[in-house]
Amino acid sequence: MTFEVPATAYDDFMGRYSVPLAEAFAEFARLPDDGRALDVGSGTGALTAVLAQRFGASEVAAVEPSATFVAAMASRFPWVDVRQGHAEELPFDDHAFSATLAQLVVHFMADPLEGLREMRRVTRPGGVVAACVWDFEGGRAPQSRFFEALRSATGSADDESDRAGAGRGQLATLLEAAGCTDVVEGEVSVSRSFDGFDDWWEPYTLGVAPAGKQLAALDDETRERVREAARGLFPAGPFTVAVAAWVARGRA
């Protein structure tokens, strides 16, 4: 799945969560002290920035299918090897990296198992292969309250809970099936504070990801019903939203 929206729209929609998640994910992954690192499905670079700090920008590569995000990445990280491509066919040689990570992308892969096999292929023996996905199944994703409001107002919602990696144990099972060893799964939590409801709601109007696309497909009256249903899920004034992601790591 590609996200052909402006990079700034994605930043506003998901960057507020994916930036702190990247730090926690990298810590969980237990990255090696040296070598090269690959960010698979880099988006606009939340994890790429962390990897560049750990390894040095010239030792980091990124693959991303969306052309708008590739252009933004090339501008933001001029020393990173940024390429347009898909996880299922990574444009790198065997054993090219000491760590290969995928943040918030396994559930969007056309073939998650093949994507993880490719991640293992490009990782040197003994290197780290790691992935994370929001806990959609448990209702702890950033979008979960939006999906609750959407379902309340319309009777249905694609809440992403049936996607690969969205539930407990799924990422570990996929990594093992992809040929990784010493697989460990866990969860990490991050939180984001908002000035009020409008601060939380506005990014959903930008048409980003399944949530934004579902909202954009509605007529004005129905969108307003979703908005009011969502408003009822939050207190008046500032509030904080805590979310959680499943994380898993293994060895190539």
C-alpha atoms as a PDB file:
ATOM      1  CA  MET A   1       0.000   0.000   0.000  1.00  0.00           C
ATOM      2  CA  THR A   2       1.316   3.438  -0.913  1.00  0.00           C
ATOM      3  CA  PHE A   3       0.460   6.749   0.733  1.00  0.00           C
ATOM      4  CA  GLU A   4       0.455   9.282  -2.095  1.00  0.00           C
ATOM      5  CA  VAL A   5      -0.244  12.276   0.119  1.00  0.00           C
ATOM      6  CA  PRO A   6       1.996  15.218   1.020  1.00  0.00           C
ATOM      7  CA  ALA A   7       4.726  14.310   3.482  1.00  0.00           C
ATOM      8  CA  THR A   8       3.565  17.089   5.784  1.00  0.00           C
ATOM      9  CA  ALA A   9       0.082  15.549   5.913  1.00  0.00           C
ATOM     10  CA  TYR A  10       1.524  12.232   7.024  1.00  0.00           C
ATOM     11  CA  ASP A  11       3.705  14.003   9.578  1.00  0.00           C
ATOM     12  CA  ASP A  12       0.647  15.708  11.046  1.00  0.00           C
ATOM     13  CA  PHE A  13      -1.379  12.511  11.048  1.00  0.00           C
ATOM     14  CA  MET A  14       1.096   9.887  12.294  1.00  0.00           C
ATOM     15  CA  GLY A  15       4.372  11.664  13.027  1.00  0.00           C
ATOM     16  CA  ARG A  16       3.095  12.824  16.388  1.00  0.00           C
ATOM     17  CA  TYR A  17       3.113   9.164  17.445  1.00  0.00           C
ATOM     18  CA  SER A  18       5.715   7.560  15.173  1.00  0.00           C
ATOM     19  CA  VAL A  19       8.550   9.869  16.271  1.00  0.00           C
ATOM     20  CA  PRO A  20       8.488   8.788  19.945  1.00  0.00           C
ATOM     21  CA  LEU A  21       7.700   5.227  18.871  1.00  0.00           C
ATOM     22  CA  ALA A  22      10.901   5.105  16.792  1.00  0.00           C
ATOM     23  CA  GLU A  23      13.067   5.693  19.859  1.00  0.00           C
ATOM     24  CA  ALA A  24      11.292   3.001  21.870  1.00  0.00           C
ATOM     25  CA  PHE A  25      11.350   0.558  18.943  1.00  0.00           C
ATOM     26  CA  ALA A  26      15.071   1.041  18.379  1.00  0.00           C
ATOM     27  CA  GLU A  27      15.751   0.390  22.050  1.00  0.00           C
ATOM     28  CA  PHE A  28      13.724  -2.821  21.950  1.00  0.00           C
ATOM     29  CA  ALA A  29      15.508  -3.992  18.783  1.00  0.00           C
ATOM     30  CA  ARG A  30      18.887  -4.084  20.576  1.00  0.00           C
ATOM     31  CA  LEU A  31      20.750  -2.657  17.618  1.00  0.00           C
ATOM     32  CA  PRO A  32      24.376  -3.662  16.999  1.00  0.00           C
ATOM     33  CA  ASP A  33      27.116  -1.161  17.712  1.00  0.00           C
ATOM     34  CA  ASP A  34      28.242  -0.851  14.099  1.00  0.00           C
ATOM     35  CA  GLY A  35      27.483  -1.839  10.513  1.00  0.00           C
ATOM     36  CA  ARG A  36      24.740  -0.575   8.219  1.00  0.00           C
ATOM     37  CA  ALA A  37      21.019  -0.276   8.933  1.00  0.00           C
ATOM     38  CA  LEU A  38      17.965  -0.404   6.660  1.00  0.00           C
ATOM     39  CA  ASP A  39      14.580   1.232   7.295  1.00  0.00           C
ATOM     40  CA  VAL A  40      11.907  -0.672   5.331  1.00  0.00           C
ATOM     41  CA  GLY A  41       8.795   1.343   4.553  1.00  0.00           C
ATOM     42  CA  SER A  42      10.398   4.463   5.948  1.00  0.00           C
ATOM     43  CA  GLY A  43       7.460   6.817   5.463  1.00  0.00           C
ATOM     44  CA  THR A  44       8.737  10.334   6.107  1.00  0.00           C
ATOM     45  CA  GLY A  45      11.667   9.217   8.240  1.00  0.00           C
ATOM     46  CA  ALA A  46      10.778   8.901  11.928  1.00  0.00           C
ATOM     47  CA  LEU A  47      12.822   5.726  12.319  1.00  0.00           C
ATOM     48  CA  THR A  48      15.411   6.782   9.736  1.00  0.00           C
ATOM     49  CA  ALA A  49      16.331   9.741  11.940  1.00  0.00           C
ATOM     50  CA  VAL A  50      16.943   7.445  14.914  1.00  0.00           C
ATOM     51  CA  LEU A  51      19.017   5.023  12.849  1.00  0.00           C
ATOM     52  CA  ALA A  52      21.081   7.886  11.442  1.00  0.00           C
ATOM     53  CA  GLN A  53      21.877   9.010  14.993  1.00  0.00           C
ATOM     54  CA  ARG A  54      22.917   5.486  15.986  1.00  0.00           C
ATOM     55  CA  PHE A  55      24.872   4.426  12.880  1.00  0.00           C
ATOM     56  CA  GLY A  56      25.681   7.679  11.055  1.00  0.00           C
ATOM     57  CA  ALA A  57      23.603   8.902   8.115  1.00  0.00           C
ATOM     58  CA  SER A  58      26.002   7.486   5.491  1.00  0.00           C
ATOM     59  CA  GLU A  59      25.517   4.011   7.014  1.00  0.00           C
ATOM     60  CA  VAL A  60      21.709   4.051   6.731  1.00  0.00           C
ATOM     61  CA  ALA A  61      19.469   3.116   3.807  1.00  0.00           C
ATOM     62  CA  ALA A  62      15.712   3.458   3.425  1.00  0.00           C
ATOM     63  CA  VAL A  63      13.122   1.926   1.104  1.00  0.00           C
ATOM     64  CA  GLU A  64       9.693   3.501   0.627  1.00  0.00           C
ATOM     65  CA  PRO A  65       7.015   2.860  -2.047  1.00  0.00           C
ATOM     66  CA  SER A  66       5.389   6.330  -2.016  1.00  0.00           C
ATOM     67  CA  ALA A  67       7.039   8.790  -4.392  1.00  0.00           C
ATOM     68  CA  THR A  68       6.069  11.835  -2.325  1.00  0.00           C
ATOM     69  CA  PHE A  69       7.705  10.339   0.758  1.00  0.00           C
ATOM     70  CA  VAL A  70      10.849   9.331  -1.152  1.00  0.00           C
ATOM     71  CA  ALA A  71      11.231  12.934  -2.323  1.00  0.00           C
ATOM     72  CA  ALA A  72      10.784  14.231   1.219  1.00  0.00           C
ATOM     73  CA  MET A  73      13.257  11.673   2.568  1.00  0.00           C
ATOM     74  CA  ALA A  74      15.884  12.632  -0.005  1.00  0.00           C
ATOM     75  CA  SER A  75      15.555  16.251   1.057  1.00  0.00           C
ATOM     76  CA  ARG A  76      15.518  15.582   4.790  1.00  0.00           C
ATOM     77  CA  PHE A  77      18.315  12.993   4.814  1.00  0.00           C
ATOM     78  CA  PRO A  78      20.717  13.805   1.949  1.00  0.00           C
ATOM     79  CA  TRP A  79      23.372  11.344   3.200  1.00  0.00           C
ATOM     80  CA  VAL A  80      20.959   8.418   3.533  1.00  0.00           C
ATOM     81  CA  ASP A  81      20.634   5.938   0.638  1.00  0.00           C
ATOM     82  CA  VAL A  82      16.910   6.422  -0.084  1.00  0.00           C
ATOM     83  CA  ARG A  83      15.291   4.233  -2.743  1.00  0.00           C
ATOM     84  CA  GLN A  84      11.753   3.776  -4.006  1.00  0.00           C
ATOM     85  CA  GLY A  85      10.640   0.177  -3.728  1.00  0.00           C
ATOM     86  CA  HIS A  86       8.617  -2.443  -1.885  1.00  0.00           C
ATOM     87  CA  ALA A  87       9.455  -4.709   1.020  1.00  0.00           C
ATOM     88  CA  GLU A  88       8.691  -7.816  -1.008  1.00  0.00           C
ATOM     89  CA  GLU A  89      11.529  -7.027  -3.432  1.00  0.00           C
ATOM     90  CA  LEU A  90      14.211  -5.057  -1.609  1.00  0.00           C
ATOM     91  CA  PRO A  91      16.775  -3.472  -3.971  1.00  0.00           C
ATOM     92  CA  PHE A  92      19.814  -4.577  -1.967  1.00  0.00           C
ATOM     93  CA  ASP A  93      22.303  -7.450  -1.994  1.00  0.00           C
ATOM     94  CA  ASP A  94      22.230 -10.370   0.398  1.00  0.00           C
ATOM     95  CA  HIS A  95      23.688  -9.707   3.861  1.00  0.00           C
ATOM     96  CA  ALA A  96      24.138  -5.972   3.208  1.00  0.00           C
ATOM     97  CA  PHE A  97      22.974  -4.783   6.646  1.00  0.00           C
ATOM     98  CA  SER A  98      23.603  -5.545  10.277  1.00  0.00           C
ATOM     99  CA  ALA A  99      20.087  -4.365  11.223  1.00  0.00           C
ATOM    100  CA  THR A 100      16.893  -4.243   9.157  1.00  0.00           C
ATOM    101  CA  LEU A 101      13.772  -2.728  10.695  1.00  0.00           C
ATOM    102  CA  ALA A 102      10.176  -2.060   9.637  1.00  0.00           C
ATOM    103  CA  GLN A 103       8.146   0.418  11.692  1.00  0.00           C
ATOM    104  CA  LEU A 104       4.379   0.481  11.155  1.00  0.00           C
ATOM    105  CA  VAL A 105       4.598  -1.194   7.746  1.00  0.00           C
ATOM    106  CA  VAL A 106       4.167  -4.991   8.038  1.00  0.00           C
ATOM    107  CA  HIS A 107       0.369  -4.597   8.116  1.00  0.00           C
ATOM    108  CA  PHE A 108       0.528  -2.674   4.835  1.00  0.00           C
ATOM    109  CA  MET A 109       2.738  -5.169   2.988  1.00  0.00           C
ATOM    110  CA  ALA A 110       1.044  -6.974   0.097  1.00  0.00           C
ATOM    111  CA  ASP A 111       2.752 -10.174   1.312  1.00  0.00           C
ATOM    112  CA  PRO A 112       3.983  -9.741   4.909  1.00  0.00           C
ATOM    113  CA  LEU A 113       5.776 -13.080   5.046  1.00  0.00           C
ATOM    114  CA  GLU A 114       7.668 -12.411   1.816  1.00  0.00           C
ATOM    115  CA  GLY A 115       8.498  -8.910   3.018  1.00  0.00           C
ATOM    116  CA  LEU A 116      10.026 -10.290   6.212  1.00  0.00           C
ATOM    117  CA  ARG A 117      11.886 -12.966   4.261  1.00  0.00           C
ATOM    118  CA  GLU A 118      13.407 -10.199   2.166  1.00  0.00           C
ATOM    119  CA  MET A 119      14.364  -8.330   5.322  1.00  0.00           C
ATOM    120  CA  ARG A 120      16.133 -11.452   6.569  1.00  0.00           C
ATOM    121  CA  ARG A 121      17.837 -11.943   3.185  1.00  0.00           C
ATOM    122  CA  VAL A 122      19.475  -8.522   3.187  1.00  0.00           C
ATOM    123  CA  THR A 123      20.612  -8.871   6.815  1.00  0.00           C
ATOM    124  CA  ARG A 124      23.956 -10.454   7.636  1.00  0.00           C
ATOM    125  CA  PRO A 125      23.895 -13.739   9.597  1.00  0.00           C
ATOM    126  CA  GLY A 126      23.362 -12.917  13.229  1.00  0.00           C
ATOM    127  CA  GLY A 127      22.083  -9.426  12.431  1.00  0.00           C
ATOM    128  CA  VAL A 128      18.865  -7.929  13.765  1.00  0.00           C
ATOM    129  CA  VAL A 129      15.524  -8.144  11.967  1.00  0.00           C
ATOM    130  CA  ALA A 130      12.742  -6.253  13.777  1.00  0.00           C
ATOM    131  CA  ALA A 131       9.225  -4.963  13.164  1.00  0.00           C
ATOM    132  CA  CYS A 132       6.422  -3.184  14.980  1.00  0.00           C
ATOM    133  CA  VAL A 133       2.696  -2.616  14.379  1.00  0.00           C
ATOM    134  CA  TRP A 134       0.124  -0.732  16.452  1.00  0.00           C
ATOM    135  CA  ASP A 135      -2.134  -2.881  18.622  1.00  0.00           C
ATOM    136  CA  PHE A 136      -5.220  -2.497  16.447  1.00  0.00           C
ATOM    137  CA  GLU A 137      -6.707  -5.767  17.658  1.00  0.00           C
ATOM    138  CA  GLY A 138      -6.613  -4.583  21.263  1.00  0.00           C
ATOM    139  CA  GLY A 139      -7.921  -1.108  20.454  1.00  0.00           C
ATOM    140  CA  ARG A 140      -4.707   0.623  21.577  1.00  0.00           C
ATOM    141  CA  ALA A 141      -3.677   2.198  18.268  1.00  0.00           C
ATOM    142  CA  PRO A 142      -3.686   5.984  17.732  1.00  0.00           C
ATOM    143  CA  GLN A 143      -6.651   5.547  15.370  1.00  0.00           C
ATOM    144  CA  SER A 144      -8.672   3.257  17.629  1.00  0.00           C
ATOM    145  CA  ARG A 145     -10.937   5.979  19.054  1.00  0.00           C
ATOM    146  CA  PHE A 146     -11.508   7.366  15.583  1.00  0.00           C
ATOM    147  CA  PHE A 147     -12.598   3.919  14.398  1.00  0.00           C
ATOM    148  CA  GLU A 148     -14.903   3.664  17.415  1.00  0.00           C
ATOM    149  CA  ALA A 149     -16.546   6.937  16.431  1.00  0.00           C
ATOM    150  CA  LEU A 150     -16.737   5.923  12.767  1.00  0.00           C
ATOM    151  CA  ARG A 151     -18.443   2.654  13.661  1.00  0.00           C
ATOM    152  CA  SER A 152     -20.842   4.437  16.008  1.00  0.00           C
ATOM    153  CA  ALA A 153     -21.842   6.972  13.344  1.00  0.00           C
ATOM    154  CA  THR A 154     -21.954   4.711  10.279  1.00  0.00           C
ATOM    155  CA  GLY A 155     -22.327   1.143  11.554  1.00  0.00           C
ATOM    156  CA  SER A 156     -19.015  -0.068  10.135  1.00  0.00           C
ATOM    157  CA  ALA A 157     -15.286   0.668   9.987  1.00  0.00           C
ATOM    158  CA  ASP A 158     -12.117  -0.851   8.597  1.00  0.00           C
ATOM    159  CA  ASP A 159     -10.303  -0.674  11.913  1.00  0.00           C
ATOM    160  CA  GLU A 160      -7.174  -2.475  10.639  1.00  0.00           C
ATOM    161  CA  SER A 161      -7.525  -5.126  13.352  1.00  0.00           C
ATOM    162  CA  ASP A 162      -7.470  -7.946  10.802  1.00  0.00           C
ATOM    163  CA  ARG A 163      -4.129  -6.897   9.292  1.00  0.00           C
ATOM    164  CA  ALA A 164      -0.893  -8.804   9.738  1.00  0.00           C
ATOM    165  CA  GLY A 165       0.889  -8.069  12.999  1.00  0.00           C
ATOM    166  CA  ALA A 166      -2.021  -6.200  14.558  1.00  0.00           C
ATOM    167  CA  GLY A 167      -2.534  -8.707  17.390  1.00  0.00           C
ATOM    168  CA  ARG A 168      -0.512 -10.369  20.128  1.00  0.00           C
ATOM    169  CA  GLY A 169       1.952 -13.001  18.900  1.00  0.00           C
ATOM    170  CA  GLN A 170       1.480 -12.322  15.193  1.00  0.00           C
ATOM    171  CA  LEU A 171       4.767 -10.537  14.506  1.00  0.00           C
ATOM    172  CA  ALA A 172       6.759 -13.229  16.305  1.00  0.00           C
ATOM    173  CA  THR A 173       5.031 -15.944  14.299  1.00  0.00           C
ATOM    174  CA  LEU A 174       5.775 -14.107  11.047  1.00  0.00           C
ATOM    175  CA  LEU A 175       9.457 -13.577  11.913  1.00  0.00           C
ATOM    176  CA  GLU A 176       9.865 -17.254  12.752  1.00  0.00           C
ATOM    177  CA  ALA A 177       8.109 -18.283   9.536  1.00  0.00           C
ATOM    178  CA  ALA A 178      10.468 -15.947   7.640  1.00  0.00           C
ATOM    179  CA  GLY A 179      13.431 -17.915   8.983  1.00  0.00           C
ATOM    180  CA  CYS A 180      14.566 -15.704  11.875  1.00  0.00           C
ATOM    181  CA  THR A 181      15.896 -17.237  15.084  1.00  0.00           C
ATOM    182  CA  ASP A 182      15.933 -16.087  18.723  1.00  0.00           C
ATOM    183  CA  VAL A 183      12.643 -14.280  18.166  1.00  0.00           C
ATOM    184  CA  VAL A 184      11.380 -12.123  21.037  1.00  0.00           C
ATOM    185  CA  GLU A 185       8.084 -10.212  21.111  1.00  0.00           C
ATOM    186  CA  GLY A 186       6.960  -7.420  23.406  1.00  0.00           C
ATOM    187  CA  GLU A 187       5.043  -4.165  23.431  1.00  0.00           C
ATOM    188  CA  VAL A 188       5.959  -0.522  23.797  1.00  0.00           C
ATOM    189  CA  SER A 189       3.787   2.425  24.764  1.00  0.00           C
ATOM    190  CA  VAL A 190       3.977   6.094  23.842  1.00  0.00           C
ATOM    191  CA  SER A 191       1.721   9.045  24.580  1.00  0.00           C
ATOM    192  CA  ARG A 192       0.837  12.360  22.974  1.00  0.00           C
ATOM    193  CA  SER A 193      -0.759  15.417  24.559  1.00  0.00           C
ATOM    194  CA  PHE A 194      -3.323  17.563  22.728  1.00  0.00           C
ATOM    195  CA  ASP A 195      -4.504  21.118  23.299  1.00  0.00           C
ATOM    196  CA  GLY A 196      -8.079  19.967  22.803  1.00  0.00           C
ATOM    197  CA  PHE A 197     -10.378  17.974  20.542  1.00  0.00           C
ATOM    198  CA  ASP A 198      -9.726  20.005  17.380  1.00  0.00           C
ATOM    199  CA  ASP A 199      -5.994  19.431  17.745  1.00  0.00           C
ATOM    200  CA  TRP A 200      -6.644  15.674  17.780  1.00  0.00           C
ATOM    201  CA  TRP A 201      -9.306  15.698  15.033  1.00  0.00           C
ATOM    202  CA  GLU A 202      -7.793  17.905  12.320  1.00  0.00           C
ATOM    203  CA  PRO A 203      -5.243  15.382  10.943  1.00  0.00           C
ATOM    204  CA  TYR A 204      -8.052  12.917  10.206  1.00  0.00           C
ATOM    205  CA  THR A 205      -9.408  15.386   7.651  1.00  0.00           C
ATOM    206  CA  LEU A 206      -6.208  15.170   5.561  1.00  0.00           C
ATOM    207  CA  GLY A 207      -7.113  11.885   3.844  1.00  0.00           C
ATOM    208  CA  VAL A 208      -4.146   9.933   5.187  1.00  0.00           C
ATOM    209  CA  ALA A 209      -4.139   6.153   5.720  1.00  0.00           C
ATOM    210  CA  PRO A 210      -7.262   3.965   5.972  1.00  0.00           C
ATOM    211  CA  ALA A 211      -8.744   6.223   8.656  1.00  0.00           C
ATOM    212  CA  GLY A 212      -8.470   9.433   6.654  1.00  0.00           C
ATOM    213  CA  LYS A 213      -9.577   7.784   3.432  1.00  0.00           C
ATOM    214  CA  GLN A 214     -12.707   6.384   5.073  1.00  0.00           C
ATOM    215  CA  LEU A 215     -13.592   9.804   6.448  1.00  0.00           C
ATOM    216  CA  ALA A 216     -12.988  11.483   3.085  1.00  0.00           C
ATOM    217  CA  ALA A 217     -15.365   9.035   1.373  1.00  0.00           C
ATOM    218  CA  LEU A 218     -18.323  10.168   3.497  1.00  0.00           C
ATOM    219  CA  ASP A 219     -20.741  12.967   2.727  1.00  0.00           C
ATOM    220  CA  ASP A 220     -20.580  16.168   4.780  1.00  0.00           C
ATOM    221  CA  GLU A 221     -23.465  15.239   7.059  1.00  0.00           C
ATOM    222  CA  THR A 222     -22.031  11.832   7.907  1.00  0.00           C
ATOM    223  CA  ARG A 223     -18.559  13.254   8.478  1.00  0.00           C
ATOM    224  CA  GLU A 224     -20.078  15.660  10.984  1.00  0.00           C
ATOM    225  CA  ARG A 225     -21.766  12.758  12.785  1.00  0.00           C
ATOM    226  CA  VAL A 226     -18.401  10.999  13.025  1.00  0.00           C
ATOM    227  CA  ARG A 227     -16.824  14.191  14.360  1.00  0.00           C
ATOM    228  CA  GLU A 228     -19.440  14.593  17.064  1.00  0.00           C
ATOM    229  CA  ALA A 229     -19.227  10.918  18.012  1.00  0.00           C
ATOM    230  CA  ALA A 230     -15.468  11.305  18.385  1.00  0.00           C
ATOM    231  CA  ARG A 231     -15.835  14.494  20.401  1.00  0.00           C
ATOM    232  CA  GLY A 232     -17.877  12.569  22.937  1.00  0.00           C
ATOM    233  CA  LEU A 233     -14.951  10.207  23.563  1.00  0.00           C
ATOM    234  CA  PHE A 234     -12.685  12.949  24.947  1.00  0.00           C
ATOM    235  CA  PRO A 235     -12.819  15.392  27.842  1.00  0.00           C
ATOM    236  CA  ALA A 236     -13.122  19.121  27.298  1.00  0.00           C
ATOM    237  CA  GLY A 237      -9.804  20.958  27.258  1.00  0.00           C
ATOM    238  CA  PRO A 238      -6.320  19.418  26.969  1.00  0.00           C
ATOM    239  CA  PHE A 239      -5.881  15.656  27.216  1.00  0.00           C
ATOM    240  CA  THR A 240      -3.294  12.943  26.617  1.00  0.00           C
ATOM    241  CA  VAL A 241      -3.670   9.809  24.484  1.00  0.00           C
ATOM    242  CA  ALA A 242      -1.605   6.728  25.350  1.00  0.00           C
ATOM    243  CA  VAL A 243      -1.124   4.109  22.632  1.00  0.00           C
ATOM    244  CA  ALA A 244       0.741   0.823  22.276  1.00  0.00           C
ATOM    245  CA  ALA A 245       2.479  -1.173  19.560  1.00  0.00           C
ATOM    246  CA  TRP A 246       3.505  -4.802  19.264  1.00  0.00           C
ATOM    247  CA  VAL A 247       7.249  -5.174  18.658  1.00  0.00           C
ATOM    248  CA  ALA A 248       9.286  -8.216  17.709  1.00  0.00           C
ATOM    249  CA  ARG A 249      12.928  -8.868  16.941  1.00  0.00           C
ATOM    250  CA  GLY A 250      14.907 -11.852  15.712  1.00  0.00           C
ATOM    251  CA  ARG A 251      18.244 -12.864  14.220  1.00  0.00           C
ATOM    252  CA  ALA A 252      18.937 -13.457  10.555  1.00  0.00           C
END
